[in-house]
Amino acid sequence: MLSFLKKKWCLAEISHDKALALGKELNIPTTVAVLLINRGIMTAEEATLYLRSDLSQLHDPFLMAGMDEAVKRVIRAIENEESITVFCDYDVDGVTSAAFLTHFFRDLDCPVTAYLPERQAEGYGLNSDAVRKIRDQGASLMITADCGITGVKEVALANEIGLDVIVTDHHQVGEEGLPQAVAVLNPHREECDYPFRFLSGVGLAFKLALGVRSGLHTAGRKKEDLPNMKRHLDLFALGTIADVAPLTGENHILTRHGLDVLSTSAKPGLVALKEVAGIVGNVDARSVGFGLGPRLNAAGRLGKADSGLHLLTATDLGTAKTLAKELEKTNQERKIIQEETFLEAESLLRNERDLENERVIVLASETFHPGVIGIAASKMVDIYHRPTVLIALEEGEGKGSGRSIPKFNLFKAFTNCSSHLIQFGGHAYAAGLSIEEENVDAFRDAMNEVGYRFLTDEDLIPEIKLDTSLDLSQIDFPFYKNIALLEPFGAENPVPSFQSKGVKIKELKHMGKEKNHLRFRAVQGKGQIGVIAFNFASLFESLDIANEVFDIAYELHLNSWNGREKLELRLLDIKASE
């Protein structure tokens, strides 16, 4: 039975005996053992490593293909006092990657500059003009951060003009193969046996820095004279969470430590950024995802990404505060432009497309802003649960950004439709493209052919994945603290979600300026707890809450206000009780 929001609830199916045994072995509640098993952690040994998240568990950076060559070239540049330029992408992962390497090389007193392309003028990735400019400015080594894997022609040009290149990029390798760089660090290379394949761009920057630090120590430098790598894990956490990289394996370990560093970071840029975002005290993944990340991303989206880079590499608090205020203003602009783009997409969908006959949404408009189409596409996916590509048109060419659903690999779909594209890149869930305007209709048709081949009607019904069922009487502070052992939550380690059945709704109140949010008390037998329900007011108008009982799906959250803490549920969905 579908919920009132027309969603399908998918309760994880695991062996209760297996969870009971794991819980006993680890001396943790069975429910927490269920959460671990749902995240692929099946044994006590795996669980102990996961819950400890010790930095000693990290893999040797030299297990990564190309690391030896990369480290040797960087050390030669350091010893010869060569000028190094870090070329980065303009999203948060790219900017934090460049900031990480900038801080690292500064710690070594090595001359370093960062080059960040202007989004609308230069587009995504390496470009020939930038390569020439970097060489003309005196650099003899360029390190790409979060980009470069498809820059085969640009790296060939760099080789011609005497600019050595090290590519660090976690995106998929293009059809042309690897660029002929001094070294290519990318766990997705076919010949790379690195044990963890899901590092973000800033993760690869960290691994390169770790390798260089190790190489310098082997060459005779004292450990106390080398950079403290843990000090810069604040940037790792920021970039990894903002890039929605899987918070498993090394990402889980480093992000957990990185959030601790971020909570007390003395970097002027991060102090100022937290201030404008209103973040005080401990920083968690949600604070990064909804507070810090969007403000940095806004700069890149509106063609001002150098503000974010200057902020993260600032050396004094006064400059940092000025830059943070600029970013806050840019973020407000971004919100307005994003809403305009989304409303235009909704209008085009209603008036020009037929969702009954289309599996994939492809929309193009000259009024779309290229910097926010990714966020708008993501919102369309949330509402319509279909892969969505939005294309911003200008002077006969389009820049597109797509977001997808679990059963549809967007990068593979773009590959199947590549004859209609100028270029493309990305991942299964998010990808970008450029296209001639005259090819948009043919591209839409081709994408829908792929959609009909791989998506069923069932795949287009949105799902809510639930970890387990709870009685409300089970929820207390010790239970919450046990769940918090799995943090940080994010991609591939989602916030635990639960269902409770036969719940009565009491003390319903409306909230918010538009009165579109609700607060109520959920009552089930002897258990009861407060619930907050964002954007559920219109749905509840049709429910007979006085006489009916319901099943609810929710997340458990800790609400801290004025020094007081209380547990509450955040409603995800509701349906008639079976």
Protein backbone atom coordinates (compact mmCIF):
# COMPACT_ATOMS: atom_id res chain seq x y z
CA MET A 1 0.00 0.00 0.00
CA LEU A 2 1.35 3.42 -0.96
CA SER A 3 1.52 6.24 1.57
CA PHE A 4 -0.51 9.45 1.43
CA LEU A 5 2.46 10.94 -0.44
CA LYS A 6 2.21 8.09 -2.99
CA LYS A 7 5.48 6.58 -1.82
CA LYS A 8 6.49 2.97 -1.29
CA TRP A 9 7.94 2.05 2.10
CA CYS A 10 10.83 -0.42 1.89
CA LEU A 11 11.70 -1.99 5.22
CA ALA A 12 15.17 -3.56 5.28
CA GLU A 13 15.02 -7.33 5.44
CA ILE A 14 17.67 -8.82 7.70
CA SER A 15 17.98 -11.80 9.98
CA HIS A 16 16.90 -10.90 13.51
CA ASP A 17 19.12 -13.70 14.87
CA LYS A 18 22.13 -12.24 13.05
CA ALA A 19 21.45 -8.78 14.51
CA LEU A 20 20.93 -10.26 17.98
CA ALA A 21 24.26 -12.12 17.78
CA LEU A 22 26.17 -9.05 16.54
CA GLY A 23 24.61 -6.90 19.27
CA LYS A 24 25.62 -9.40 21.97
CA GLU A 25 29.17 -9.70 20.64
CA LEU A 26 29.63 -5.90 20.62
CA ASN A 27 27.52 -5.24 23.73
CA ILE A 28 25.30 -2.80 21.81
CA PRO A 29 21.49 -2.70 21.43
CA THR A 30 20.07 -5.01 18.75
CA THR A 31 18.62 -1.99 16.91
CA VAL A 32 22.11 -0.49 16.50
CA ALA A 33 23.34 -3.88 15.22
CA VAL A 34 20.48 -3.77 12.68
CA LEU A 35 21.67 -0.33 11.50
CA LEU A 36 25.22 -1.62 11.05
CA ILE A 37 24.08 -4.66 9.05
CA ASN A 38 21.87 -2.45 6.87
CA ARG A 39 25.03 -0.50 6.01
CA GLY A 40 26.94 -3.63 4.98
CA ILE A 41 28.85 -4.07 8.24
CA MET A 42 28.33 -7.74 8.98
CA THR A 43 30.99 -8.85 11.48
CA ALA A 44 32.12 -7.72 14.93
CA GLU A 45 35.59 -6.95 13.52
CA GLU A 46 34.15 -4.70 10.77
CA ALA A 47 31.84 -3.02 13.27
CA THR A 48 34.65 -2.37 15.76
CA LEU A 49 36.78 -0.71 13.06
CA TYR A 50 33.79 1.30 11.84
CA LEU A 51 32.78 2.52 15.29
CA ARG A 52 36.38 3.31 16.32
CA SER A 53 37.21 5.12 13.05
CA ASP A 54 40.90 5.23 13.91
CA LEU A 55 43.27 7.11 11.58
CA SER A 56 45.65 4.14 11.77
CA GLN A 57 43.14 2.26 9.58
CA LEU A 58 43.88 4.48 6.55
CA HIS A 59 45.40 2.86 3.46
CA ASP A 60 48.95 3.60 2.33
CA PRO A 61 48.71 6.36 -0.33
CA PHE A 62 51.38 4.55 -2.40
CA LEU A 63 48.87 1.78 -3.12
CA MET A 64 47.30 4.22 -5.59
CA ALA A 65 48.45 3.96 -9.21
CA GLY A 66 50.60 6.95 -10.17
CA MET A 67 51.43 8.01 -6.60
CA ASP A 68 55.14 7.20 -6.85
CA GLU A 69 55.56 9.36 -9.96
CA ALA A 70 53.43 12.18 -8.52
CA VAL A 71 55.36 12.31 -5.24
CA LYS A 72 58.76 12.28 -6.96
CA ARG A 73 57.76 15.17 -9.24
CA VAL A 74 56.32 17.26 -6.38
CA ILE A 75 59.41 16.69 -4.22
CA ARG A 76 61.63 17.75 -7.13
CA ALA A 77 59.56 20.93 -7.47
CA ILE A 78 59.91 21.61 -3.71
CA GLU A 79 63.67 21.03 -3.71
CA ASN A 80 64.21 23.22 -6.81
CA GLU A 81 61.81 25.93 -5.51
CA GLU A 82 59.71 25.66 -8.64
CA SER A 83 56.41 27.52 -8.86
CA ILE A 84 53.41 25.20 -8.50
CA THR A 85 49.88 26.05 -9.65
CA VAL A 86 46.85 24.14 -8.44
CA PHE A 87 44.05 24.16 -11.06
CA CYS A 88 40.70 23.34 -9.49
CA ASP A 89 37.02 22.95 -10.24
CA TYR A 90 34.66 25.64 -8.91
CA ASP A 91 32.38 23.56 -6.68
CA VAL A 92 33.02 23.04 -2.96
CA ASP A 93 35.01 19.84 -3.53
CA GLY A 94 37.25 21.60 -6.06
CA VAL A 95 37.74 24.72 -3.95
CA THR A 96 38.49 22.74 -0.77
CA SER A 97 40.93 20.55 -2.76
CA ALA A 98 42.84 23.61 -3.92
CA ALA A 99 42.70 25.18 -0.45
CA PHE A 100 44.00 21.93 1.10
CA LEU A 101 47.01 21.80 -1.25
CA THR A 102 47.61 25.54 -0.85
CA HIS A 103 47.79 25.21 2.95
CA PHE A 104 49.99 22.12 2.61
CA PHE A 105 52.52 23.79 0.30
CA ARG A 106 52.49 26.95 2.40
CA ASP A 107 53.37 24.81 5.44
CA LEU A 108 56.41 23.66 3.42
CA ASP A 109 57.30 27.27 2.41
CA CYS A 110 56.81 26.23 -1.22
CA PRO A 111 55.64 28.87 -3.78
CA VAL A 112 52.06 27.97 -4.76
CA THR A 113 49.15 29.67 -6.49
CA ALA A 114 45.67 28.41 -7.27
CA TYR A 115 43.86 28.89 -10.58
CA LEU A 116 40.10 28.69 -10.58
CA PRO A 117 38.29 28.97 -13.94
CA GLU A 118 35.39 31.41 -14.28
CA ARG A 119 32.35 29.17 -14.71
CA GLN A 120 30.51 30.95 -17.52
CA ALA A 121 33.51 32.19 -19.50
CA GLU A 122 35.75 29.09 -19.23
CA GLY A 123 33.31 26.28 -18.45
CA TYR A 124 34.11 23.10 -16.57
CA GLY A 125 37.54 21.49 -16.43
CA LEU A 126 40.85 22.29 -18.07
CA ASN A 127 40.95 24.71 -20.99
CA SER A 128 43.79 25.62 -23.35
CA ASP A 129 43.81 29.36 -22.57
CA ALA A 130 44.22 28.64 -18.86
CA VAL A 131 47.06 26.18 -19.53
CA ARG A 132 48.95 28.82 -21.55
CA LYS A 133 48.27 31.50 -18.95
CA ILE A 134 49.57 29.31 -16.11
CA ARG A 135 52.78 28.58 -18.04
CA ASP A 136 53.22 32.26 -18.92
CA GLN A 137 52.94 33.13 -15.23
CA GLY A 138 56.02 31.02 -14.55
CA ALA A 139 54.65 27.74 -13.25
CA SER A 140 56.55 24.61 -14.22
CA LEU A 141 54.19 22.16 -12.45
CA MET A 142 50.39 22.19 -12.51
CA ILE A 143 48.37 19.94 -10.22
CA THR A 144 44.70 19.56 -11.10
CA ALA A 145 42.27 19.21 -8.20
CA ASP A 146 38.88 17.56 -8.72
CA CYS A 147 39.19 17.85 -12.51
CA GLY A 148 41.46 17.06 -15.47
CA ILE A 149 40.66 13.40 -16.13
CA THR A 150 39.06 14.27 -19.50
CA GLY A 151 41.61 16.99 -20.34
CA VAL A 152 43.56 14.87 -22.84
CA LYS A 153 44.10 17.72 -25.33
CA GLU A 154 44.90 20.29 -22.66
CA VAL A 155 47.50 18.07 -21.00
CA ALA A 156 49.06 17.40 -24.42
CA LEU A 157 49.30 21.18 -24.89
CA ALA A 158 50.90 21.58 -21.46
CA ASN A 159 53.50 18.97 -22.39
CA GLU A 160 54.30 20.90 -25.59
CA ILE A 161 54.90 24.20 -23.77
CA GLY A 162 56.97 22.75 -20.90
CA LEU A 163 54.34 22.59 -18.15
CA ASP A 164 54.34 19.30 -16.25
CA VAL A 165 50.91 18.11 -15.07
CA ILE A 166 49.75 15.87 -12.24
CA VAL A 167 46.06 15.02 -12.50
CA THR A 168 44.07 14.32 -9.33
CA ASP A 169 40.43 13.64 -10.17
CA HIS A 170 37.76 11.23 -8.92
CA HIS A 171 35.43 11.52 -11.93
CA GLN A 172 34.98 8.77 -14.50
CA VAL A 173 37.71 8.28 -17.12
CA GLY A 174 36.56 9.53 -20.56
CA GLU A 175 36.40 7.57 -23.81
CA GLU A 176 39.73 9.09 -24.95
CA GLY A 177 41.51 7.39 -22.07
CA LEU A 178 43.94 8.90 -19.59
CA PRO A 179 45.72 12.21 -20.23
CA GLN A 180 49.46 11.78 -20.81
CA ALA A 181 50.38 13.54 -17.58
CA VAL A 182 53.40 12.96 -15.31
CA ALA A 183 50.94 11.09 -13.07
CA VAL A 184 47.18 10.51 -12.90
CA LEU A 185 45.69 9.87 -9.46
CA ASN A 186 42.20 8.46 -9.89
CA PRO A 187 40.93 5.31 -8.13
CA HIS A 188 38.58 4.70 -11.09
CA ARG A 189 41.52 3.95 -13.42
CA GLU A 190 41.26 0.36 -14.64
CA GLU A 191 44.79 -0.48 -13.52
CA CYS A 192 44.41 1.14 -10.07
CA ASP A 193 44.10 -1.36 -7.20
CA TYR A 194 43.66 1.21 -4.44
CA PRO A 195 41.38 -0.45 -1.83
CA PHE A 196 38.92 2.47 -1.49
CA ARG A 197 37.53 3.85 -4.76
CA PHE A 198 35.22 6.58 -3.50
CA LEU A 199 37.50 9.40 -2.35
CA SER A 200 36.30 12.88 -3.22
CA GLY A 201 38.53 15.41 -4.97
CA VAL A 202 39.74 16.74 -1.62
CA GLY A 203 40.35 13.12 -0.59
CA LEU A 204 42.80 12.72 -3.48
CA ALA A 205 44.46 16.04 -2.55
CA PHE A 206 44.86 14.66 0.98
CA LYS A 207 46.35 11.40 -0.30
CA LEU A 208 48.84 13.25 -2.53
CA ALA A 209 49.87 15.49 0.37
CA LEU A 210 50.23 12.43 2.62
CA GLY A 211 52.43 10.76 -0.01
CA VAL A 212 54.60 13.86 -0.40
CA ARG A 213 54.95 14.17 3.38
CA SER A 214 56.03 10.52 3.59
CA GLY A 215 58.46 11.00 0.68
CA LEU A 216 60.05 14.05 2.32
CA HIS A 217 60.45 12.15 5.59
CA THR A 218 62.09 9.23 3.75
CA ALA A 219 64.41 11.75 2.09
CA GLY A 220 65.61 12.95 5.48
CA ARG A 221 63.28 15.66 6.78
CA LYS A 222 62.37 15.42 10.46
CA LYS A 223 58.72 14.63 11.24
CA GLU A 224 58.39 17.72 13.42
CA ASP A 225 59.39 19.88 10.42
CA LEU A 226 56.65 18.43 8.22
CA PRO A 227 53.01 19.63 8.00
CA ASN A 228 50.48 18.35 10.54
CA MET A 229 48.01 16.67 8.18
CA LYS A 230 45.24 16.31 10.76
CA ARG A 231 45.08 20.11 11.08
CA HIS A 232 43.64 20.37 7.55
CA LEU A 233 41.02 17.62 7.83
CA ASP A 234 38.44 20.38 8.36
CA LEU A 235 38.74 21.02 4.61
CA PHE A 236 38.46 17.29 3.89
CA ALA A 237 35.16 17.05 5.79
CA LEU A 238 33.78 20.18 4.13
CA GLY A 239 34.58 19.05 0.57
CA THR A 240 33.62 15.39 1.02
CA ILE A 241 30.20 16.09 2.57
CA ALA A 242 29.39 18.88 0.11
CA ASP A 243 30.26 16.59 -2.81
CA VAL A 244 27.89 13.91 -1.44
CA ALA A 245 30.70 11.34 -1.51
CA PRO A 246 29.88 8.01 0.19
CA LEU A 247 30.59 8.31 3.92
CA THR A 248 31.99 4.80 4.15
CA GLY A 249 35.53 3.43 4.49
CA GLU A 250 38.22 6.10 4.50
CA ASN A 251 35.67 8.86 3.91
CA HIS A 252 33.86 7.87 7.10
CA ILE A 253 37.06 7.85 9.16
CA LEU A 254 38.47 11.11 7.81
CA THR A 255 35.14 12.97 7.85
CA ARG A 256 34.51 11.99 11.48
CA HIS A 257 37.91 13.41 12.48
CA GLY A 258 37.49 16.31 10.07
CA LEU A 259 34.22 17.41 11.69
CA ASP A 260 35.98 17.48 15.07
CA VAL A 261 38.69 19.71 13.58
CA LEU A 262 36.08 21.85 11.81
CA SER A 263 34.23 22.40 15.10
CA THR A 264 37.30 24.10 16.63
CA SER A 265 39.13 25.23 13.46
CA ALA A 266 41.24 28.37 13.78
CA LYS A 267 41.39 28.94 10.00
CA PRO A 268 40.13 32.53 9.60
CA GLY A 269 37.99 31.57 6.58
CA LEU A 270 36.19 28.78 8.40
CA VAL A 271 35.69 30.89 11.55
CA ALA A 272 34.08 33.62 9.41
CA LEU A 273 32.03 31.17 7.33
CA LYS A 274 30.57 29.50 10.43
CA GLU A 275 29.71 32.94 11.80
CA VAL A 276 27.65 34.04 8.78
CA ALA A 277 25.97 30.62 8.66
CA GLY A 278 24.99 30.92 12.34
CA ILE A 279 26.81 27.71 13.30
CA VAL A 280 28.02 27.62 16.91
CA GLY A 281 29.75 24.76 18.72
CA ASN A 282 29.96 21.28 17.25
CA VAL A 283 29.71 21.06 13.47
CA ASP A 284 27.92 17.99 12.12
CA ALA A 285 27.35 16.74 8.58
CA ARG A 286 23.97 18.48 8.40
CA SER A 287 25.58 21.85 9.27
CA VAL A 288 28.02 21.35 6.38
CA GLY A 289 25.38 20.11 3.93
CA PHE A 290 22.84 22.84 4.63
CA GLY A 291 24.93 25.67 6.07
CA LEU A 292 28.56 25.88 4.99
CA GLY A 293 28.46 23.98 1.68
CA PRO A 294 25.68 25.98 -0.03
CA ARG A 295 27.38 29.29 0.77
CA LEU A 296 30.64 28.17 -0.82
CA ASN A 297 28.81 26.58 -3.74
CA ALA A 298 26.86 29.78 -4.39
CA ALA A 299 30.08 31.58 -5.32
CA GLY A 300 30.95 29.03 -8.00
CA ARG A 301 27.39 28.88 -9.30
CA LEU A 302 27.22 32.63 -9.89
CA GLY A 303 30.72 32.95 -11.35
CA LYS A 304 32.42 34.22 -8.18
CA ALA A 305 34.11 31.03 -6.95
CA ASP A 306 37.41 32.80 -6.31
CA SER A 307 35.69 34.41 -3.29
CA GLY A 308 35.28 30.95 -1.76
CA LEU A 309 38.88 30.00 -2.53
CA HIS A 310 40.23 33.30 -1.14
CA LEU A 311 38.10 32.77 1.97
CA LEU A 312 39.42 29.25 2.65
CA THR A 313 43.02 30.35 2.13
CA ALA A 314 42.72 33.69 3.99
CA THR A 315 45.37 34.36 6.62
CA ASP A 316 43.66 37.10 8.65
CA LEU A 317 40.19 37.26 10.20
CA GLY A 318 39.33 40.76 8.94
CA THR A 319 39.75 39.77 5.28
CA ALA A 320 37.93 36.50 5.94
CA LYS A 321 34.91 38.26 7.48
CA THR A 322 34.63 40.60 4.49
CA LEU A 323 34.73 37.65 2.09
CA ALA A 324 32.23 35.66 4.17
CA LYS A 325 29.76 38.55 4.07
CA GLU A 326 30.17 38.70 0.27
CA LEU A 327 29.45 34.97 0.09
CA GLU A 328 26.34 35.38 2.25
CA LYS A 329 25.05 38.06 -0.13
CA THR A 330 25.86 35.85 -3.13
CA ASN A 331 24.01 32.95 -1.50
CA GLN A 332 20.89 35.08 -1.13
CA GLU A 333 21.13 35.98 -4.83
CA ARG A 334 21.55 32.29 -5.63
CA LYS A 335 18.35 31.39 -3.79
CA ILE A 336 16.32 33.90 -5.83
CA ILE A 337 17.82 32.81 -9.18
CA GLN A 338 17.41 29.15 -8.25
CA GLU A 339 13.70 29.60 -7.50
CA GLU A 340 13.18 31.47 -10.79
CA THR A 341 14.92 28.66 -12.70
CA PHE A 342 12.87 25.99 -10.92
CA LEU A 343 9.57 27.78 -11.61
CA GLU A 344 10.50 28.13 -15.30
CA ALA A 345 11.29 24.39 -15.42
CA GLU A 346 7.93 23.56 -13.80
CA SER A 347 6.14 25.78 -16.34
CA LEU A 348 7.91 24.15 -19.31
CA LEU A 349 7.11 20.71 -17.93
CA ARG A 350 3.40 21.50 -17.52
CA ASN A 351 2.96 23.25 -20.85
CA GLU A 352 5.32 21.48 -23.25
CA ARG A 353 6.02 17.96 -22.03
CA ASP A 354 3.90 14.85 -21.44
CA LEU A 355 5.02 12.93 -18.36
CA GLU A 356 2.64 10.10 -19.21
CA ASN A 357 4.86 9.25 -22.18
CA GLU A 358 8.31 10.31 -20.96
CA ARG A 359 10.59 8.43 -18.60
CA VAL A 360 13.26 11.16 -18.47
CA ILE A 361 12.69 14.90 -18.08
CA VAL A 362 14.84 17.00 -20.44
CA LEU A 363 14.11 20.75 -20.48
CA ALA A 364 15.98 23.60 -22.15
CA SER A 365 15.57 27.37 -21.84
CA GLU A 366 17.47 30.59 -22.38
CA THR A 367 16.14 31.82 -19.02
CA PHE A 368 17.77 29.01 -17.05
CA HIS A 369 20.85 30.16 -15.13
CA PRO A 370 23.69 27.67 -15.78
CA GLY A 371 24.94 27.99 -12.23
CA VAL A 372 21.80 26.69 -10.51
CA ILE A 373 20.37 24.15 -12.97
CA GLY A 374 21.88 21.28 -10.97
CA ILE A 375 20.01 22.26 -7.79
CA ALA A 376 16.80 22.90 -9.75
CA ALA A 377 17.14 19.49 -11.44
CA SER A 378 17.59 17.89 -8.03
CA LYS A 379 14.38 19.52 -6.83
CA MET A 380 12.54 18.24 -9.92
CA VAL A 381 13.78 14.71 -9.15
CA ASP A 382 12.48 15.03 -5.58
CA ILE A 383 9.02 16.02 -6.84
CA TYR A 384 8.60 13.84 -9.96
CA HIS A 385 11.00 10.97 -9.20
CA ARG A 386 12.34 10.89 -12.74
CA PRO A 387 15.86 11.48 -14.06
CA THR A 388 16.01 15.18 -14.95
CA VAL A 389 18.34 17.18 -17.20
CA LEU A 390 18.04 20.97 -17.35
CA ILE A 391 19.89 22.79 -20.14
CA ALA A 392 20.73 26.50 -20.04
CA LEU A 393 20.82 27.84 -23.62
CA GLU A 394 22.90 30.75 -24.84
CA GLU A 395 23.84 31.72 -28.40
CA GLY A 396 23.00 28.35 -29.90
CA GLU A 397 24.74 26.20 -27.28
CA GLY A 398 23.58 24.65 -24.05
CA LYS A 399 25.19 23.78 -20.73
CA GLY A 400 23.26 21.01 -19.01
CA SER A 401 23.15 19.47 -15.57
CA GLY A 402 21.37 16.26 -14.65
CA ARG A 403 20.29 14.44 -11.49
CA SER A 404 18.96 10.91 -11.30
CA ILE A 405 17.14 8.22 -9.31
CA PRO A 406 18.57 4.95 -7.91
CA LYS A 407 17.63 2.71 -10.86
CA PHE A 408 19.09 4.98 -13.59
CA ASN A 409 22.82 5.58 -14.16
CA LEU A 410 23.00 9.08 -15.62
CA PHE A 411 26.64 8.87 -16.72
CA LYS A 412 25.96 5.64 -18.65
CA ALA A 413 22.84 7.18 -20.18
CA PHE A 414 24.87 10.19 -21.38
CA THR A 415 27.41 7.75 -22.81
CA ASN A 416 24.63 6.02 -24.78
CA CYS A 417 23.48 9.41 -26.09
CA SER A 418 26.93 10.90 -26.63
CA SER A 419 26.49 11.31 -30.42
CA HIS A 420 24.18 14.26 -29.61
CA LEU A 421 26.60 15.92 -27.16
CA ILE A 422 29.70 18.08 -27.43
CA GLN A 423 31.06 16.71 -24.16
CA PHE A 424 29.89 15.29 -20.84
CA GLY A 425 31.13 13.93 -17.51
CA GLY A 426 30.05 12.99 -14.01
CA HIS A 427 28.64 10.12 -11.97
CA ALA A 428 25.65 7.78 -11.81
CA TYR A 429 23.51 10.29 -9.90
CA ALA A 430 24.85 13.61 -11.17
CA ALA A 431 26.38 14.57 -14.50
CA GLY A 432 26.95 17.59 -16.73
CA LEU A 433 27.03 18.15 -20.48
CA SER A 434 27.39 20.67 -23.27
CA ILE A 435 25.26 20.45 -26.41
CA GLU A 436 24.35 22.34 -29.57
CA GLU A 437 20.85 23.82 -29.22
CA GLU A 438 19.73 22.15 -32.47
CA ASN A 439 20.47 18.72 -30.94
CA VAL A 440 18.38 19.12 -27.79
CA ASP A 441 15.24 17.45 -29.18
CA ALA A 442 17.20 14.49 -30.54
CA PHE A 443 19.02 14.17 -27.21
CA ARG A 444 15.68 14.18 -25.35
CA ASP A 445 14.36 11.40 -27.59
CA ALA A 446 17.53 9.36 -27.13
CA MET A 447 17.43 9.77 -23.34
CA ASN A 448 13.83 8.59 -23.26
CA GLU A 449 14.73 5.57 -25.38
CA VAL A 450 17.31 4.69 -22.72
CA GLY A 451 14.72 5.45 -20.05
CA TYR A 452 12.16 3.05 -21.52
CA ARG A 453 14.87 0.41 -21.86
CA PHE A 454 15.99 0.52 -18.22
CA LEU A 455 13.13 1.98 -16.15
CA THR A 456 9.85 0.23 -15.31
CA ASP A 457 6.67 1.87 -13.98
CA GLU A 458 7.61 0.48 -10.57
CA ASP A 459 10.99 2.25 -10.70
CA LEU A 460 9.19 5.60 -11.02
CA ILE A 461 7.43 5.19 -7.67
CA PRO A 462 9.53 6.99 -5.03
CA GLU A 463 10.74 4.84 -2.14
CA ILE A 464 11.40 5.52 1.50
CA LYS A 465 14.00 3.11 2.83
CA LEU A 466 13.40 2.21 6.47
CA ASP A 467 15.94 0.56 8.77
CA THR A 468 13.56 -1.08 11.22
CA SER A 469 10.30 -0.79 13.18
CA LEU A 470 10.26 0.81 16.61
CA ASP A 471 7.83 1.17 19.47
CA LEU A 472 7.83 4.80 20.56
CA SER A 473 8.51 3.61 24.12
CA GLN A 474 11.99 2.46 22.96
CA ILE A 475 13.10 6.02 22.18
CA ASP A 476 15.17 7.69 24.90
CA PHE A 477 18.52 9.47 25.28
CA PRO A 478 20.63 6.29 25.69
CA PHE A 479 19.02 4.93 22.49
CA TYR A 480 19.83 8.17 20.64
CA LYS A 481 23.46 8.12 21.87
CA ASN A 482 23.89 4.57 20.60
CA ILE A 483 22.61 5.59 17.15
CA ALA A 484 24.97 8.59 17.15
CA LEU A 485 27.90 6.13 17.27
CA LEU A 486 27.37 5.63 13.51
CA GLU A 487 27.88 9.30 12.64
CA PRO A 488 28.71 11.14 10.46
CA PHE A 489 25.68 10.40 8.34
CA GLY A 490 25.53 11.09 4.62
CA ALA A 491 25.66 9.27 1.29
CA GLU A 492 25.75 5.45 1.73
CA ASN A 493 25.49 5.98 5.50
CA PRO A 494 22.09 7.66 5.66
CA VAL A 495 20.47 9.09 8.77
CA PRO A 496 18.67 6.08 10.30
CA SER A 497 14.96 6.01 9.47
CA PHE A 498 12.27 4.10 11.33
CA GLN A 499 8.59 3.28 11.23
CA SER A 500 6.08 3.04 14.06
CA LYS A 501 2.62 1.56 13.58
CA GLY A 502 -0.76 2.31 15.11
CA VAL A 503 0.11 5.87 16.15
CA LYS A 504 -2.45 8.44 17.32
CA ILE A 505 -1.90 12.13 16.57
CA LYS A 506 -2.49 14.57 19.44
CA GLU A 507 -2.04 18.31 20.08
CA LEU A 508 -1.65 19.26 16.40
CA LYS A 509 -0.34 22.80 15.85
CA HIS A 510 0.55 24.77 12.72
CA MET A 511 3.97 26.45 12.39
CA GLY A 512 5.85 28.81 10.08
CA LYS A 513 4.95 32.07 8.36
CA GLU A 514 2.76 30.29 5.84
CA LYS A 515 1.46 27.84 8.47
CA ASN A 516 2.58 25.00 6.20
CA HIS A 517 4.54 23.11 8.88
CA LEU A 518 3.13 21.09 11.76
CA ARG A 519 4.06 20.05 15.26
CA PHE A 520 2.21 17.28 17.10
CA ARG A 521 2.55 14.56 19.70
CA ALA A 522 2.71 10.95 18.50
CA VAL A 523 1.13 8.50 20.95
CA GLN A 524 1.47 4.72 20.78
CA GLY A 525 0.48 2.73 23.86
CA LYS A 526 2.68 3.95 26.71
CA GLY A 527 5.10 5.71 24.36
CA GLN A 528 4.78 9.29 23.18
CA ILE A 529 7.10 11.90 21.64
CA GLY A 530 6.99 15.24 19.85
CA VAL A 531 7.03 15.28 16.04
CA ILE A 532 7.86 18.04 13.59
CA ALA A 533 6.40 17.74 10.08
CA PHE A 534 7.76 20.15 7.48
CA ASN A 535 5.38 20.97 4.59
CA PHE A 536 2.74 18.48 5.72
CA ALA A 537 -0.04 20.96 6.61
CA SER A 538 -2.02 20.63 3.35
CA LEU A 539 -1.84 16.83 3.45
CA PHE A 540 -3.17 16.67 7.03
CA GLU A 541 -6.27 18.66 6.06
CA SER A 542 -7.68 15.50 4.45
CA LEU A 543 -6.90 13.21 7.41
CA ASP A 544 -9.33 12.30 10.18
CA ILE A 545 -6.77 12.59 12.96
CA ALA A 546 -9.38 12.58 15.73
CA ASN A 547 -10.62 9.07 14.92
CA GLU A 548 -7.94 7.30 12.88
CA VAL A 549 -4.58 5.73 13.71
CA PHE A 550 -1.58 5.95 11.40
CA ASP A 551 1.78 4.42 10.55
CA ILE A 552 4.55 7.02 10.51
CA ALA A 553 8.04 7.02 8.95
CA TYR A 554 10.59 9.31 10.57
CA GLU A 555 14.12 10.19 11.61
CA LEU A 556 15.15 10.78 15.22
CA HIS A 557 16.76 14.14 16.00
CA LEU A 558 18.16 15.97 19.00
CA ASN A 559 16.71 19.48 19.36
CA SER A 560 19.04 21.83 21.25
CA TRP A 561 17.71 25.23 22.21
CA ASN A 562 18.92 27.67 24.90
CA GLY A 563 20.97 24.96 26.59
CA ARG A 564 18.04 22.53 26.74
CA GLU A 565 17.93 19.29 24.79
CA LYS A 566 14.99 17.15 23.79
CA LEU A 567 14.44 14.30 21.38
CA GLU A 568 11.92 14.69 18.57
CA LEU A 569 10.90 12.88 15.42
CA ARG A 570 11.16 14.45 11.98
CA LEU A 571 8.28 13.10 9.90
CA LEU A 572 9.20 11.62 6.52
CA ASP A 573 5.84 10.12 5.52
CA ILE A 574 2.51 8.90 6.85
CA LYS A 575 -0.10 6.35 5.81
CA ALA A 576 -3.28 4.75 7.10
CA SER A 577 -2.46 2.09 9.65
CA GLU A 578 -2.82 -1.42 8.35
